Amino acid sequence: MRHVAFTAVLVASGLAAGSASAAPFEPALLPDQVGVVGHLDVDALRRTQIFAAAGGQAAIDAALDHAPSKLQPVVRALSRAIRGISFWHDAEDGAVYLDAGDARSLGQLIAQLPTKPAAAIDGFPAYTLEHGDKDGFCAVYGHTLVLAHSHDSLERSIHVLAGKAPNLAGSRKLPAASRQGVFVFVTIGDNALGAIQKSAQAKVLQLGLRSVMLDVSESGGQVVATARAEMRSADALQKARSIIEGIRTMASLSDDPDASKLVNAVTVTTSGLGLDVSAALPVAEVARLIQSHHGKARH
């Protein structure tokens, strides 16, 4: 899904400040049998202190300058309309949803993309999206632009959006906490977990995992990140906690003041076979860390 991810990153990077309401994670829009789902509540992000503290519109404008010139007009227009970004992925298939809140504007933007007509889906026009050495597919459903890896995954998404296929609403696979943050990421199927465990450098992710959930939010001037891993056995849970505690101990011995602050912000708890790792830092401190990282990256 390189082409889909590329386009979504460009749009997410171009989030412009403006009027906002709410675009929370909505499981009913996503297929029920997938490996990974995620959502960025752009409306909520625009209202956060961290958005402004990290550079706000000035940082966004600078990021968009690096987008391909032929895509810049479309990306800039989408960035001003986007309210939420959702995605699902399973094996080699997947799709990204861009909720723009305005069907007419989306139709006009589609005309500016490097596309050609593809087979319609349930009467909805579909398009082949030309990007690099591999084409993708896209369609507009109401006020949502769907970008997909294949025509099959585009069709699957449209069927779910139209209420003609099973979705994730009410699924026990999604922890209630995963629906609250500005950004959420949840693994659901074994395929995704298998891929994570094979490629992961972190020893915790190489243990027996049943699911992984990441939730990031801002509350009371604090940026709060929570990761929850459901383990397959008590032994795997104990090993995972021991690894994390060992990492915390080593980090606490570091001369780097940033490492010490991060260690002090982290709490580790368990419940059942679940391991929860949470961190809370003031918005100003997170913004400083972001700016420091960007400064080092430029050099």
C-alpha atoms as a PDB file:
ATOM      1  CA  MET A   1       0.000   0.000   0.000  1.00  0.00           C
ATOM      2  CA  ARG A   2       2.897   2.359  -0.564  1.00  0.00           C
ATOM      3  CA  HIS A   3       0.940   4.649  -2.881  1.00  0.00           C
ATOM      4  CA  VAL A   4      -2.055   4.794  -0.540  1.00  0.00           C
ATOM      5  CA  ALA A   5       0.102   5.453   2.510  1.00  0.00           C
ATOM      6  CA  PHE A   6       2.046   8.127   0.636  1.00  0.00           C
ATOM      7  CA  THR A   7      -1.099  10.040  -0.309  1.00  0.00           C
ATOM      8  CA  ALA A   8      -2.545   9.730   3.194  1.00  0.00           C
ATOM      9  CA  VAL A   9       0.679  10.979   4.770  1.00  0.00           C
ATOM     10  CA  LEU A  10       0.684  13.996   2.479  1.00  0.00           C
ATOM     11  CA  VAL A  11      -2.872  14.833   3.478  1.00  0.00           C
ATOM     12  CA  ALA A  12      -2.265  14.188   7.179  1.00  0.00           C
ATOM     13  CA  SER A  13       0.834  16.357   7.008  1.00  0.00           C
ATOM     14  CA  GLY A  14      -1.215  19.143   5.494  1.00  0.00           C
ATOM     15  CA  LEU A  15      -3.832  19.530   8.215  1.00  0.00           C
ATOM     16  CA  ALA A  16      -4.751  23.157   8.321  1.00  0.00           C
ATOM     17  CA  ALA A  17      -6.210  25.004  11.285  1.00  0.00           C
ATOM     18  CA  GLY A  18      -9.840  25.981  10.917  1.00  0.00           C
ATOM     19  CA  SER A  19     -13.336  25.385  12.224  1.00  0.00           C
ATOM     20  CA  ALA A  20     -13.739  21.939  13.749  1.00  0.00           C
ATOM     21  CA  SER A  21     -16.436  19.805  15.279  1.00  0.00           C
ATOM     22  CA  ALA A  22     -15.711  16.129  15.832  1.00  0.00           C
ATOM     23  CA  ALA A  23     -14.704  13.123  13.733  1.00  0.00           C
ATOM     24  CA  PRO A  24     -14.086  10.300  16.217  1.00  0.00           C
ATOM     25  CA  PHE A  25     -13.179   6.715  15.396  1.00  0.00           C
ATOM     26  CA  GLU A  26     -16.220   4.973  13.881  1.00  0.00           C
ATOM     27  CA  PRO A  27     -15.848   1.159  13.715  1.00  0.00           C
ATOM     28  CA  ALA A  28     -19.046   0.845  11.638  1.00  0.00           C
ATOM     29  CA  LEU A  29     -17.146   2.207   8.640  1.00  0.00           C
ATOM     30  CA  LEU A  30     -14.538  -0.581   8.643  1.00  0.00           C
ATOM     31  CA  PRO A  31     -14.750  -4.247   7.549  1.00  0.00           C
ATOM     32  CA  ASP A  32     -15.098  -6.790  10.350  1.00  0.00           C
ATOM     33  CA  GLN A  33     -12.397  -9.244   9.232  1.00  0.00           C
ATOM     34  CA  VAL A  34      -9.169  -7.232   9.005  1.00  0.00           C
ATOM     35  CA  GLY A  35      -5.729  -7.282  10.597  1.00  0.00           C
ATOM     36  CA  VAL A  36      -5.195  -3.665  11.588  1.00  0.00           C
ATOM     37  CA  VAL A  37      -7.396  -0.588  11.946  1.00  0.00           C
ATOM     38  CA  GLY A  38      -6.575   2.983  12.878  1.00  0.00           C
ATOM     39  CA  HIS A  39      -7.962   6.492  12.987  1.00  0.00           C
ATOM     40  CA  LEU A  40      -6.723  10.074  13.266  1.00  0.00           C
ATOM     41  CA  ASP A  41      -9.416  12.468  14.531  1.00  0.00           C
ATOM     42  CA  VAL A  42      -8.324  15.562  12.640  1.00  0.00           C
ATOM     43  CA  ASP A  43     -11.048  17.721  14.176  1.00  0.00           C
ATOM     44  CA  ALA A  44      -9.768  16.866  17.645  1.00  0.00           C
ATOM     45  CA  LEU A  45      -6.141  17.282  16.624  1.00  0.00           C
ATOM     46  CA  ARG A  46      -6.769  20.817  15.424  1.00  0.00           C
ATOM     47  CA  ARG A  47      -8.106  21.732  18.857  1.00  0.00           C
ATOM     48  CA  THR A  48      -5.131  20.401  20.802  1.00  0.00           C
ATOM     49  CA  GLN A  49      -2.447  22.538  22.370  1.00  0.00           C
ATOM     50  CA  ILE A  50       0.229  20.232  20.946  1.00  0.00           C
ATOM     51  CA  PHE A  51      -0.872  21.080  17.381  1.00  0.00           C
ATOM     52  CA  ALA A  52      -0.179  24.767  17.975  1.00  0.00           C
ATOM     53  CA  ALA A  53       2.881  24.163  20.157  1.00  0.00           C
ATOM     54  CA  ALA A  54       4.516  21.947  17.524  1.00  0.00           C
ATOM     55  CA  GLY A  55       4.359  24.697  14.909  1.00  0.00           C
ATOM     56  CA  GLY A  56       0.748  24.781  13.733  1.00  0.00           C
ATOM     57  CA  GLN A  57       0.082  26.125  10.271  1.00  0.00           C
ATOM     58  CA  ALA A  58       3.624  27.349   9.648  1.00  0.00           C
ATOM     59  CA  ALA A  59       4.987  23.809  10.093  1.00  0.00           C
ATOM     60  CA  ILE A  60       2.231  22.411   7.871  1.00  0.00           C
ATOM     61  CA  ASP A  61       2.959  24.848   5.046  1.00  0.00           C
ATOM     62  CA  ALA A  62       6.639  23.950   5.185  1.00  0.00           C
ATOM     63  CA  ALA A  63       5.846  20.218   5.011  1.00  0.00           C
ATOM     64  CA  LEU A  64       3.595  20.653   1.982  1.00  0.00           C
ATOM     65  CA  ASP A  65       6.388  22.352   0.077  1.00  0.00           C
ATOM     66  CA  HIS A  66       7.990  18.908  -0.259  1.00  0.00           C
ATOM     67  CA  ALA A  67       4.955  17.278  -1.894  1.00  0.00           C
ATOM     68  CA  PRO A  68       5.196  16.476  -5.642  1.00  0.00           C
ATOM     69  CA  SER A  69       4.322  19.644  -7.548  1.00  0.00           C
ATOM     70  CA  LYS A  70       1.480  18.046  -9.527  1.00  0.00           C
ATOM     71  CA  LEU A  71      -0.174  16.855  -6.293  1.00  0.00           C
ATOM     72  CA  GLN A  72       0.278  20.034  -4.269  1.00  0.00           C
ATOM     73  CA  PRO A  73      -2.965  21.785  -5.334  1.00  0.00           C
ATOM     74  CA  VAL A  74      -5.043  18.709  -4.463  1.00  0.00           C
ATOM     75  CA  VAL A  75      -3.222  18.004  -1.205  1.00  0.00           C
ATOM     76  CA  ARG A  76      -3.538  21.594  -0.066  1.00  0.00           C
ATOM     77  CA  ALA A  77      -7.256  21.647  -0.848  1.00  0.00           C
ATOM     78  CA  LEU A  78      -7.848  18.339   0.925  1.00  0.00           C
ATOM     79  CA  SER A  79      -5.868  19.508   3.943  1.00  0.00           C
ATOM     80  CA  ARG A  80      -8.322  22.315   4.496  1.00  0.00           C
ATOM     81  CA  ALA A  81     -11.372  20.077   4.250  1.00  0.00           C
ATOM     82  CA  ILE A  82     -10.267  16.878   5.987  1.00  0.00           C
ATOM     83  CA  ARG A  83     -12.012  15.979   9.257  1.00  0.00           C
ATOM     84  CA  GLY A  84     -10.828  12.467   9.920  1.00  0.00           C
ATOM     85  CA  ILE A  85      -8.586   9.751   8.487  1.00  0.00           C
ATOM     86  CA  SER A  86      -9.326   6.053   8.997  1.00  0.00           C
ATOM     87  CA  PHE A  87      -7.587   3.001   7.613  1.00  0.00           C
ATOM     88  CA  TRP A  88      -7.788  -0.776   7.576  1.00  0.00           C
ATOM     89  CA  HIS A  89      -5.275  -3.354   6.405  1.00  0.00           C
ATOM     90  CA  ASP A  90      -5.319  -7.115   6.045  1.00  0.00           C
ATOM     91  CA  ALA A  91      -2.507  -9.176   4.488  1.00  0.00           C
ATOM     92  CA  GLU A  92      -1.800  -7.311   1.220  1.00  0.00           C
ATOM     93  CA  ASP A  93      -5.149  -5.495   0.998  1.00  0.00           C
ATOM     94  CA  GLY A  94      -6.296  -2.306   2.629  1.00  0.00           C
ATOM     95  CA  ALA A  95      -7.795   1.147   2.276  1.00  0.00           C
ATOM     96  CA  VAL A  96      -7.588   4.684   3.652  1.00  0.00           C
ATOM     97  CA  TYR A  97     -10.710   6.819   4.214  1.00  0.00           C
ATOM     98  CA  LEU A  98     -10.468  10.614   4.102  1.00  0.00           C
ATOM     99  CA  ASP A  99     -13.580  12.221   5.579  1.00  0.00           C
ATOM    100  CA  ALA A 100     -13.857  15.667   3.999  1.00  0.00           C
ATOM    101  CA  GLY A 101     -17.428  16.548   4.944  1.00  0.00           C
ATOM    102  CA  ASP A 102     -18.225  17.871   1.435  1.00  0.00           C
ATOM    103  CA  ALA A 103     -19.089  15.518  -1.432  1.00  0.00           C
ATOM    104  CA  ARG A 104     -19.115  18.247  -4.099  1.00  0.00           C
ATOM    105  CA  SER A 105     -15.616  19.432  -3.246  1.00  0.00           C
ATOM    106  CA  LEU A 106     -14.321  15.862  -3.300  1.00  0.00           C
ATOM    107  CA  GLY A 107     -15.747  15.337  -6.764  1.00  0.00           C
ATOM    108  CA  GLN A 108     -13.958  18.434  -8.002  1.00  0.00           C
ATOM    109  CA  LEU A 109     -10.687  17.304  -6.421  1.00  0.00           C
ATOM    110  CA  ILE A 110     -10.899  13.850  -7.993  1.00  0.00           C
ATOM    111  CA  ALA A 111     -10.875  15.561 -11.379  1.00  0.00           C
ATOM    112  CA  GLN A 112      -7.456  17.047 -10.536  1.00  0.00           C
ATOM    113  CA  LEU A 113      -5.855  13.731  -9.570  1.00  0.00           C
ATOM    114  CA  PRO A 114      -3.926  11.610 -12.108  1.00  0.00           C
ATOM    115  CA  THR A 115      -6.786   9.122 -12.568  1.00  0.00           C
ATOM    116  CA  LYS A 116      -8.623   7.161 -15.224  1.00  0.00           C
ATOM    117  CA  PRO A 117     -12.052   5.474 -14.975  1.00  0.00           C
ATOM    118  CA  ALA A 118     -12.285   1.996 -13.417  1.00  0.00           C
ATOM    119  CA  ALA A 119     -15.237  -0.382 -13.044  1.00  0.00           C
ATOM    120  CA  ALA A 120     -18.050   1.269 -11.065  1.00  0.00           C
ATOM    121  CA  ILE A 121     -19.016  -0.204  -7.687  1.00  0.00           C
ATOM    122  CA  ASP A 122     -22.730  -0.368  -6.879  1.00  0.00           C
ATOM    123  CA  GLY A 123     -23.276   2.576  -9.195  1.00  0.00           C
ATOM    124  CA  PHE A 124     -20.508   4.679  -7.622  1.00  0.00           C
ATOM    125  CA  PRO A 125     -17.788   5.840 -10.047  1.00  0.00           C
ATOM    126  CA  ALA A 126     -14.374   4.352  -9.305  1.00  0.00           C
ATOM    127  CA  TYR A 127     -10.988   5.422 -10.618  1.00  0.00           C
ATOM    128  CA  THR A 128      -7.521   4.038 -11.121  1.00  0.00           C
ATOM    129  CA  LEU A 129      -5.070   6.306  -9.308  1.00  0.00           C
ATOM    130  CA  GLU A 130      -1.767   6.502 -11.151  1.00  0.00           C
ATOM    131  CA  HIS A 131       1.155   6.793  -8.757  1.00  0.00           C
ATOM    132  CA  GLY A 132       4.711   5.666  -9.335  1.00  0.00           C
ATOM    133  CA  ASP A 133       5.227   2.163 -10.658  1.00  0.00           C
ATOM    134  CA  LYS A 134       2.016   0.770  -9.203  1.00  0.00           C
ATOM    135  CA  ASP A 135      -1.543   2.014  -9.581  1.00  0.00           C
ATOM    136  CA  GLY A 136      -4.069   2.306  -6.790  1.00  0.00           C
ATOM    137  CA  PHE A 137      -7.819   2.871  -6.801  1.00  0.00           C
ATOM    138  CA  CYS A 138     -10.130   5.510  -5.403  1.00  0.00           C
ATOM    139  CA  ALA A 139     -13.808   6.405  -5.168  1.00  0.00           C
ATOM    140  CA  VAL A 140     -16.003   8.952  -3.418  1.00  0.00           C
ATOM    141  CA  TYR A 141     -18.768   7.708  -1.139  1.00  0.00           C
ATOM    142  CA  GLY A 142     -20.775  10.634   0.196  1.00  0.00           C
ATOM    143  CA  HIS A 143     -18.230  12.964   1.795  1.00  0.00           C
ATOM    144  CA  THR A 144     -15.532  10.269   2.070  1.00  0.00           C
ATOM    145  CA  LEU A 145     -12.661   9.729  -0.343  1.00  0.00           C
ATOM    146  CA  VAL A 146     -11.565   6.086  -0.297  1.00  0.00           C
ATOM    147  CA  LEU A 147      -8.027   5.220  -1.444  1.00  0.00           C
ATOM    148  CA  ALA A 148      -7.380   1.500  -1.875  1.00  0.00           C
ATOM    149  CA  HIS A 149      -4.644  -0.950  -2.714  1.00  0.00           C
ATOM    150  CA  SER A 150      -6.784  -2.871  -5.195  1.00  0.00           C
ATOM    151  CA  HIS A 151     -10.195  -2.719  -6.835  1.00  0.00           C
ATOM    152  CA  ASP A 152     -11.279  -5.586  -4.556  1.00  0.00           C
ATOM    153  CA  SER A 153     -10.358  -3.682  -1.385  1.00  0.00           C
ATOM    154  CA  LEU A 154     -12.064  -0.556  -2.765  1.00  0.00           C
ATOM    155  CA  GLU A 155     -15.193  -2.610  -3.426  1.00  0.00           C
ATOM    156  CA  ARG A 156     -15.011  -4.130   0.046  1.00  0.00           C
ATOM    157  CA  SER A 157     -14.808  -0.661   1.596  1.00  0.00           C
ATOM    158  CA  ILE A 158     -17.731   0.718  -0.427  1.00  0.00           C
ATOM    159  CA  HIS A 159     -19.891  -2.273   0.532  1.00  0.00           C
ATOM    160  CA  VAL A 160     -19.197  -1.632   4.232  1.00  0.00           C
ATOM    161  CA  LEU A 161     -19.821   2.108   3.921  1.00  0.00           C
ATOM    162  CA  ALA A 162     -23.130   1.347   2.195  1.00  0.00           C
ATOM    163  CA  GLY A 163     -24.171  -1.065   4.951  1.00  0.00           C
ATOM    164  CA  LYS A 164     -24.036  -4.083   2.636  1.00  0.00           C
ATOM    165  CA  ALA A 165     -21.220  -5.934   4.419  1.00  0.00           C
ATOM    166  CA  PRO A 166     -20.359  -6.747   8.079  1.00  0.00           C
ATOM    167  CA  ASN A 167     -18.439  -4.067   9.995  1.00  0.00           C
ATOM    168  CA  LEU A 168     -16.540  -3.708  13.278  1.00  0.00           C
ATOM    169  CA  ALA A 169     -19.306  -1.932  15.205  1.00  0.00           C
ATOM    170  CA  GLY A 170     -19.846  -3.643  18.559  1.00  0.00           C
ATOM    171  CA  SER A 171     -16.871  -5.951  18.035  1.00  0.00           C
ATOM    172  CA  ARG A 172     -15.272  -7.326  21.181  1.00  0.00           C
ATOM    173  CA  LYS A 173     -11.959  -7.185  19.356  1.00  0.00           C
ATOM    174  CA  LEU A 174     -11.860  -3.409  19.877  1.00  0.00           C
ATOM    175  CA  PRO A 175     -11.166  -2.246  23.458  1.00  0.00           C
ATOM    176  CA  ALA A 176     -13.482   0.588  24.517  1.00  0.00           C
ATOM    177  CA  ALA A 177     -10.449   2.752  25.293  1.00  0.00           C
ATOM    178  CA  SER A 178      -9.358   2.580  21.661  1.00  0.00           C
ATOM    179  CA  ARG A 179     -12.209   4.856  20.607  1.00  0.00           C
ATOM    180  CA  GLN A 180     -11.329   7.889  22.705  1.00  0.00           C
ATOM    181  CA  GLY A 181      -8.029   9.338  21.517  1.00  0.00           C
ATOM    182  CA  VAL A 182      -6.922  11.717  18.808  1.00  0.00           C
ATOM    183  CA  PHE A 183      -5.061   8.773  17.274  1.00  0.00           C
ATOM    184  CA  VAL A 184      -5.844   5.090  17.742  1.00  0.00           C
ATOM    185  CA  PHE A 185      -4.235   1.958  16.313  1.00  0.00           C
ATOM    186  CA  VAL A 186      -5.459  -1.585  16.971  1.00  0.00           C
ATOM    187  CA  THR A 187      -4.291  -4.959  15.704  1.00  0.00           C
ATOM    188  CA  ILE A 188      -7.058  -7.500  15.336  1.00  0.00           C
ATOM    189  CA  GLY A 189      -5.993 -10.541  13.336  1.00  0.00           C
ATOM    190  CA  ASP A 190      -3.139 -13.002  13.750  1.00  0.00           C
ATOM    191  CA  ASN A 191      -1.691 -12.118  10.320  1.00  0.00           C
ATOM    192  CA  ALA A 192      -0.833  -8.581  11.376  1.00  0.00           C
ATOM    193  CA  LEU A 193       0.556  -9.696  14.709  1.00  0.00           C
ATOM    194  CA  GLY A 194       2.652 -12.348  12.998  1.00  0.00           C
ATOM    195  CA  ALA A 195       4.164  -9.759  10.679  1.00  0.00           C
ATOM    196  CA  ILE A 196       4.866  -7.409  13.607  1.00  0.00           C
ATOM    197  CA  GLN A 197       6.544 -10.128  15.630  1.00  0.00           C
ATOM    198  CA  LYS A 198       8.722 -11.254  12.705  1.00  0.00           C
ATOM    199  CA  SER A 199       9.974  -7.773  11.870  1.00  0.00           C
ATOM    200  CA  ALA A 200       9.997  -6.185  15.334  1.00  0.00           C
ATOM    201  CA  GLN A 201      13.307  -5.215  16.897  1.00  0.00           C
ATOM    202  CA  ALA A 202      11.681  -4.811  20.332  1.00  0.00           C
ATOM    203  CA  LYS A 203      11.804  -8.019  22.367  1.00  0.00           C
ATOM    204  CA  VAL A 204       8.369  -7.329  23.895  1.00  0.00           C
ATOM    205  CA  LEU A 205       6.755  -7.499  20.450  1.00  0.00           C
ATOM    206  CA  GLN A 206       8.444 -10.817  19.766  1.00  0.00           C
ATOM    207  CA  LEU A 207       6.565 -12.492  22.622  1.00  0.00           C
ATOM    208  CA  GLY A 208       3.178 -14.224  22.428  1.00  0.00           C
ATOM    209  CA  LEU A 209       0.799 -11.380  21.542  1.00  0.00           C
ATOM    210  CA  ARG A 210      -2.955 -11.607  21.153  1.00  0.00           C
ATOM    211  CA  SER A 211      -3.532  -7.945  20.286  1.00  0.00           C
ATOM    212  CA  VAL A 212      -1.879  -4.523  20.463  1.00  0.00           C
ATOM    213  CA  MET A 213      -3.648  -1.194  20.975  1.00  0.00           C
ATOM    214  CA  LEU A 214      -2.187   2.326  20.924  1.00  0.00           C
ATOM    215  CA  ASP A 215      -4.191   5.390  21.951  1.00  0.00           C
ATOM    216  CA  VAL A 216      -2.878   8.983  22.011  1.00  0.00           C
ATOM    217  CA  SER A 217      -4.859  11.901  23.427  1.00  0.00           C
ATOM    218  CA  GLU A 218      -4.486  15.288  25.095  1.00  0.00           C
ATOM    219  CA  SER A 219      -6.159  16.178  28.366  1.00  0.00           C
ATOM    220  CA  GLY A 220      -5.592  18.916  30.933  1.00  0.00           C
ATOM    221  CA  GLY A 221      -2.475  20.215  29.205  1.00  0.00           C
ATOM    222  CA  GLN A 222      -0.953  16.721  29.090  1.00  0.00           C
ATOM    223  CA  VAL A 223      -0.237  14.486  26.111  1.00  0.00           C
ATOM    224  CA  VAL A 224      -1.190  10.967  27.153  1.00  0.00           C
ATOM    225  CA  ALA A 225      -0.139   7.838  25.265  1.00  0.00           C
ATOM    226  CA  THR A 226      -1.324   4.377  26.262  1.00  0.00           C
ATOM    227  CA  ALA A 227      -0.223   1.084  24.755  1.00  0.00           C
ATOM    228  CA  ARG A 228      -1.959  -2.155  25.734  1.00  0.00           C
ATOM    229  CA  ALA A 229      -0.733  -5.593  24.760  1.00  0.00           C
ATOM    230  CA  GLU A 230      -2.871  -8.663  25.362  1.00  0.00           C
ATOM    231  CA  MET A 231      -0.554 -11.614  25.875  1.00  0.00           C
ATOM    232  CA  ARG A 232      -1.306 -15.269  25.154  1.00  0.00           C
ATOM    233  CA  SER A 233       0.000 -16.590  28.457  1.00  0.00           C
ATOM    234  CA  ALA A 234       0.948 -15.535  31.977  1.00  0.00           C
ATOM    235  CA  ASP A 235       4.559 -16.463  31.227  1.00  0.00           C
ATOM    236  CA  ALA A 236       4.655 -14.138  28.202  1.00  0.00           C
ATOM    237  CA  LEU A 237       3.092 -11.381  30.318  1.00  0.00           C
ATOM    238  CA  GLN A 238       5.737 -11.735  33.027  1.00  0.00           C
ATOM    239  CA  LYS A 239       8.578 -11.725  30.484  1.00  0.00           C
ATOM    240  CA  ALA A 240       7.166  -8.628  28.777  1.00  0.00           C
ATOM    241  CA  ARG A 241       6.883  -6.738  32.064  1.00  0.00           C
ATOM    242  CA  SER A 242      10.418  -7.743  33.066  1.00  0.00           C
ATOM    243  CA  ILE A 243      11.801  -6.494  29.738  1.00  0.00           C
ATOM    244  CA  ILE A 244      10.048  -3.143  30.057  1.00  0.00           C
ATOM    245  CA  GLU A 245      11.130  -2.675  33.667  1.00  0.00           C
ATOM    246  CA  GLY A 246      14.703  -3.510  32.635  1.00  0.00           C
ATOM    247  CA  ILE A 247      14.588  -0.876  29.900  1.00  0.00           C
ATOM    248  CA  ARG A 248      13.258   1.684  32.390  1.00  0.00           C
ATOM    249  CA  THR A 249      16.080   0.894  34.812  1.00  0.00           C
ATOM    250  CA  MET A 250      18.767   1.316  32.140  1.00  0.00           C
ATOM    251  CA  ALA A 251      17.199   4.554  30.877  1.00  0.00           C
ATOM    252  CA  SER A 252      17.103   5.965  34.404  1.00  0.00           C
ATOM    253  CA  LEU A 253      20.897   5.655  34.528  1.00  0.00           C
ATOM    254  CA  SER A 254      21.346   7.739  31.398  1.00  0.00           C
ATOM    255  CA  ASP A 255      22.953  11.182  31.520  1.00  0.00           C
ATOM    256  CA  ASP A 256      20.414  12.366  28.944  1.00  0.00           C
ATOM    257  CA  PRO A 257      17.849  14.564  30.784  1.00  0.00           C
ATOM    258  CA  ASP A 258      15.209  13.827  28.123  1.00  0.00           C
ATOM    259  CA  ALA A 259      15.551  10.083  28.755  1.00  0.00           C
ATOM    260  CA  SER A 260      15.058  10.637  32.483  1.00  0.00           C
ATOM    261  CA  LYS A 261      11.912  12.696  31.902  1.00  0.00           C
ATOM    262  CA  LEU A 262      10.449  10.026  29.661  1.00  0.00           C
ATOM    263  CA  VAL A 263      11.228   7.278  32.167  1.00  0.00           C
ATOM    264  CA  ASN A 264       9.604   9.226  34.990  1.00  0.00           C
ATOM    265  CA  ALA A 265       6.498   9.757  32.853  1.00  0.00           C
ATOM    266  CA  VAL A 266       5.952   6.045  32.210  1.00  0.00           C
ATOM    267  CA  THR A 267       3.790   3.723  34.279  1.00  0.00           C
ATOM    268  CA  VAL A 268       3.485  -0.025  33.755  1.00  0.00           C
ATOM    269  CA  THR A 269       0.509  -2.056  35.015  1.00  0.00           C
ATOM    270  CA  THR A 270      -1.064  -5.434  34.333  1.00  0.00           C
ATOM    271  CA  SER A 271      -4.587  -6.800  34.469  1.00  0.00           C
ATOM    272  CA  GLY A 272      -5.427 -10.347  33.511  1.00  0.00           C
ATOM    273  CA  LEU A 273      -3.188 -11.082  30.537  1.00  0.00           C
ATOM    274  CA  GLY A 274      -3.031  -7.407  29.570  1.00  0.00           C
ATOM    275  CA  LEU A 275       0.082  -5.242  29.869  1.00  0.00           C
ATOM    276  CA  ASP A 276      -0.524  -1.475  29.929  1.00  0.00           C
ATOM    277  CA  VAL A 277       2.245   1.051  29.365  1.00  0.00           C
ATOM    278  CA  SER A 278       1.181   4.686  29.789  1.00  0.00           C
ATOM    279  CA  ALA A 279       3.039   7.964  29.590  1.00  0.00           C
ATOM    280  CA  ALA A 280       1.889  11.514  30.306  1.00  0.00           C
ATOM    281  CA  LEU A 281       3.952  14.622  29.597  1.00  0.00           C
ATOM    282  CA  PRO A 282       3.096  18.332  29.553  1.00  0.00           C
ATOM    283  CA  VAL A 283       2.291  19.685  26.089  1.00  0.00           C
ATOM    284  CA  ALA A 284       5.201  22.138  26.262  1.00  0.00           C
ATOM    285  CA  GLU A 285       7.640  19.322  27.014  1.00  0.00           C
ATOM    286  CA  VAL A 286       6.388  17.168  24.131  1.00  0.00           C
ATOM    287  CA  ALA A 287       6.605  20.143  21.769  1.00  0.00           C
ATOM    288  CA  ARG A 288      10.175  20.772  22.887  1.00  0.00           C
ATOM    289  CA  LEU A 289      11.120  17.149  22.248  1.00  0.00           C
ATOM    290  CA  ILE A 290       9.540  17.280  18.778  1.00  0.00           C
ATOM    291  CA  GLN A 291      11.367  20.476  17.890  1.00  0.00           C
ATOM    292  CA  SER A 292      14.631  19.079  19.242  1.00  0.00           C
ATOM    293  CA  HIS A 293      14.226  15.910  17.169  1.00  0.00           C
ATOM    294  CA  HIS A 294      13.482  17.898  14.002  1.00  0.00           C
ATOM    295  CA  GLY A 295      16.479  20.092  14.649  1.00  0.00           C
ATOM    296  CA  LYS A 296      18.774  17.053  14.929  1.00  0.00           C
ATOM    297  CA  ALA A 297      17.232  15.490  11.810  1.00  0.00           C
ATOM    298  CA  ARG A 298      17.984  18.604   9.757  1.00  0.00           C
ATOM    299  CA  HIS A 299      21.632  18.401  10.769  1.00  0.00           C
END
